[in-house]
Protein backbone atom coordinates (compact mmCIF):
# COMPACT_ATOMS: atom_id res chain seq x y z
CA UNK A 1 -24.81 7.93 1.24
CA UNK A 2 -22.45 9.82 3.47
CA UNK A 3 -19.32 8.24 4.86
CA UNK A 4 -18.60 9.61 8.32
CA UNK A 5 -20.66 12.32 9.94
CA UNK A 6 -20.91 16.07 9.82
CA UNK A 7 -23.04 19.02 8.78
CA UNK A 8 -24.92 19.27 5.48
CA UNK A 9 -24.86 22.42 3.35
CA UNK A 10 -28.24 23.50 4.76
CA UNK A 11 -26.99 23.03 8.32
CA UNK A 12 -28.64 19.76 9.35
CA UNK A 13 -26.51 16.96 10.75
CA UNK A 14 -25.82 13.56 9.20
CA UNK A 15 -24.40 10.47 10.82
CA UNK A 16 -22.39 7.54 9.55
CA UNK A 17 -24.74 4.85 8.16
CA UNK A 18 -27.82 6.61 9.50
CA UNK A 19 -30.63 7.16 7.00
CA UNK A 20 -33.71 8.16 9.02
CA UNK A 21 -35.51 9.58 5.96
CA UNK A 22 -35.37 6.13 4.34
CA UNK A 23 -36.51 4.06 7.32
CA UNK A 24 -40.06 3.52 6.04
CA UNK A 25 -38.89 2.56 2.56
CA UNK A 26 -36.18 0.10 3.54
CA UNK A 27 -37.88 -1.89 6.30
CA UNK A 28 -38.89 -4.60 3.82
CA UNK A 29 -35.39 -4.93 2.34
CA UNK A 30 -33.12 -7.62 3.70
CA UNK A 31 -30.34 -6.09 5.79
CA UNK A 32 -26.96 -5.68 4.14
CA UNK A 33 -23.92 -6.79 6.10
CA UNK A 34 -22.66 -3.22 6.43
CA UNK A 35 -19.95 -4.06 8.91
CA UNK A 36 -18.66 -7.15 7.12
CA UNK A 37 -15.07 -6.60 6.01
CA UNK A 38 -13.28 -8.34 3.15
CA UNK A 39 -10.99 -10.96 4.67
CA UNK A 40 -10.49 -13.21 1.62
CA UNK A 41 -10.66 -12.46 -2.07
CA UNK A 42 -13.73 -14.37 -3.17
CA UNK A 43 -16.61 -13.32 -5.41
CA UNK A 44 -18.95 -13.19 -2.41
CA UNK A 45 -16.58 -11.04 -0.39
CA UNK A 46 -15.90 -8.67 -3.27
CA UNK A 47 -19.59 -8.24 -4.09
CA UNK A 48 -21.27 -8.29 -0.68
CA UNK A 49 -18.87 -6.54 1.69
CA UNK A 50 -17.80 -2.97 2.20
CA UNK A 51 -15.08 -1.91 -0.20
CA UNK A 52 -12.38 -0.18 1.88
CA UNK A 53 -15.05 0.80 4.42
CA UNK A 54 -17.37 2.45 1.88
CA UNK A 55 -21.08 1.91 2.26
CA UNK A 56 -22.76 -0.78 0.23
CA UNK A 57 -26.17 -0.64 -1.45
CA UNK A 58 -28.24 -3.82 -1.64
CA UNK A 59 -28.37 -3.62 -5.45
CA UNK A 60 -30.19 -6.93 -5.83
CA UNK A 61 -33.21 -5.54 -3.92
CA UNK A 62 -35.99 -4.49 -6.34
CA UNK A 63 -36.68 -1.29 -4.38
CA UNK A 64 -33.02 -0.23 -4.53
CA UNK A 65 -32.84 -1.02 -8.25
CA UNK A 66 -35.97 1.01 -8.98
CA UNK A 67 -34.68 3.99 -6.97
CA UNK A 68 -31.34 3.92 -8.79
CA UNK A 69 -33.08 3.60 -12.16
CA UNK A 70 -35.44 6.49 -11.31
CA UNK A 71 -32.47 8.69 -10.49
CA UNK A 72 -30.63 7.71 -13.68
CA UNK A 73 -33.81 8.31 -15.72
CA UNK A 74 -34.06 11.81 -14.23
CA UNK A 75 -30.48 12.44 -15.32
CA UNK A 76 -31.23 11.15 -18.83
CA UNK A 77 -34.23 13.51 -18.99
CA UNK A 78 -31.98 16.52 -18.40
CA UNK A 79 -29.52 15.50 -21.08
CA UNK A 80 -26.98 13.15 -19.51
CA UNK A 81 -25.83 10.71 -22.21
CA UNK A 82 -24.21 7.96 -20.16
CA UNK A 83 -22.94 6.61 -16.90
CA UNK A 84 -19.76 5.18 -15.44
CA UNK A 85 -20.13 2.42 -12.86
CA UNK A 86 -17.32 2.79 -10.36
CA UNK A 87 -15.87 -0.38 -8.84
CA UNK A 88 -18.18 -2.55 -10.93
CA UNK A 89 -16.34 -5.76 -10.05
CA UNK A 90 -17.83 -5.23 -6.60
CA UNK A 91 -21.38 -5.51 -7.96
CA UNK A 92 -23.03 -8.78 -9.00
CA UNK A 93 -23.24 -9.04 -12.81
CA UNK A 94 -27.03 -9.48 -12.72
CA UNK A 95 -27.40 -6.18 -10.87
CA UNK A 96 -25.21 -4.41 -13.41
CA UNK A 97 -27.54 -5.67 -16.13
CA UNK A 98 -30.82 -5.19 -14.28
CA UNK A 99 -30.40 -1.54 -13.32
CA UNK A 100 -29.56 -0.14 -16.79
CA UNK A 101 -32.27 -2.44 -18.13
CA UNK A 102 -34.80 -0.24 -16.32
CA UNK A 103 -33.74 2.97 -18.09
CA UNK A 104 -36.28 4.76 -20.30
CA UNK A 105 -33.75 5.90 -22.90
CA UNK A 106 -30.70 4.51 -24.65
CA UNK A 107 -27.52 5.49 -22.83
CA UNK A 108 -23.85 4.68 -22.74
CA UNK A 109 -22.84 2.64 -19.69
CA UNK A 110 -19.24 1.68 -19.03
CA UNK A 111 -17.55 0.09 -16.08
CA UNK A 112 -14.47 1.00 -14.10
CA UNK A 113 -12.49 -2.03 -12.98
CA UNK A 114 -9.08 -1.79 -11.36
CA UNK A 115 -6.93 -4.85 -11.86
CA UNK A 116 -4.41 -6.29 -9.40
CA UNK A 117 -1.76 -3.94 -10.73
CA UNK A 118 -3.64 -0.88 -9.38
């Protein structure tokens, strides 16, 4: 998911928050509040808003979970042993459990959480 816009390695263009190749797959998924900014530190704001303007996946959607799990399973098949979840405090706990729960092999999963001290 690109942030900003520009030219891909193969020369085609990409645009900020534009995913035309996914249009057919995501029409049944509830829209994510992509432009919602964090204005107060609450669980809802931390887990359902853009983190410093970065794009947000709707990780509670079954389709999104299955696509993430498929990708991680492909990585496991080529020998990857584990995964780090960046900014995991910005994901609902159920999603953190559900996605690795769909993996075909045992793997190490650890979470990166930055506290208030940076």
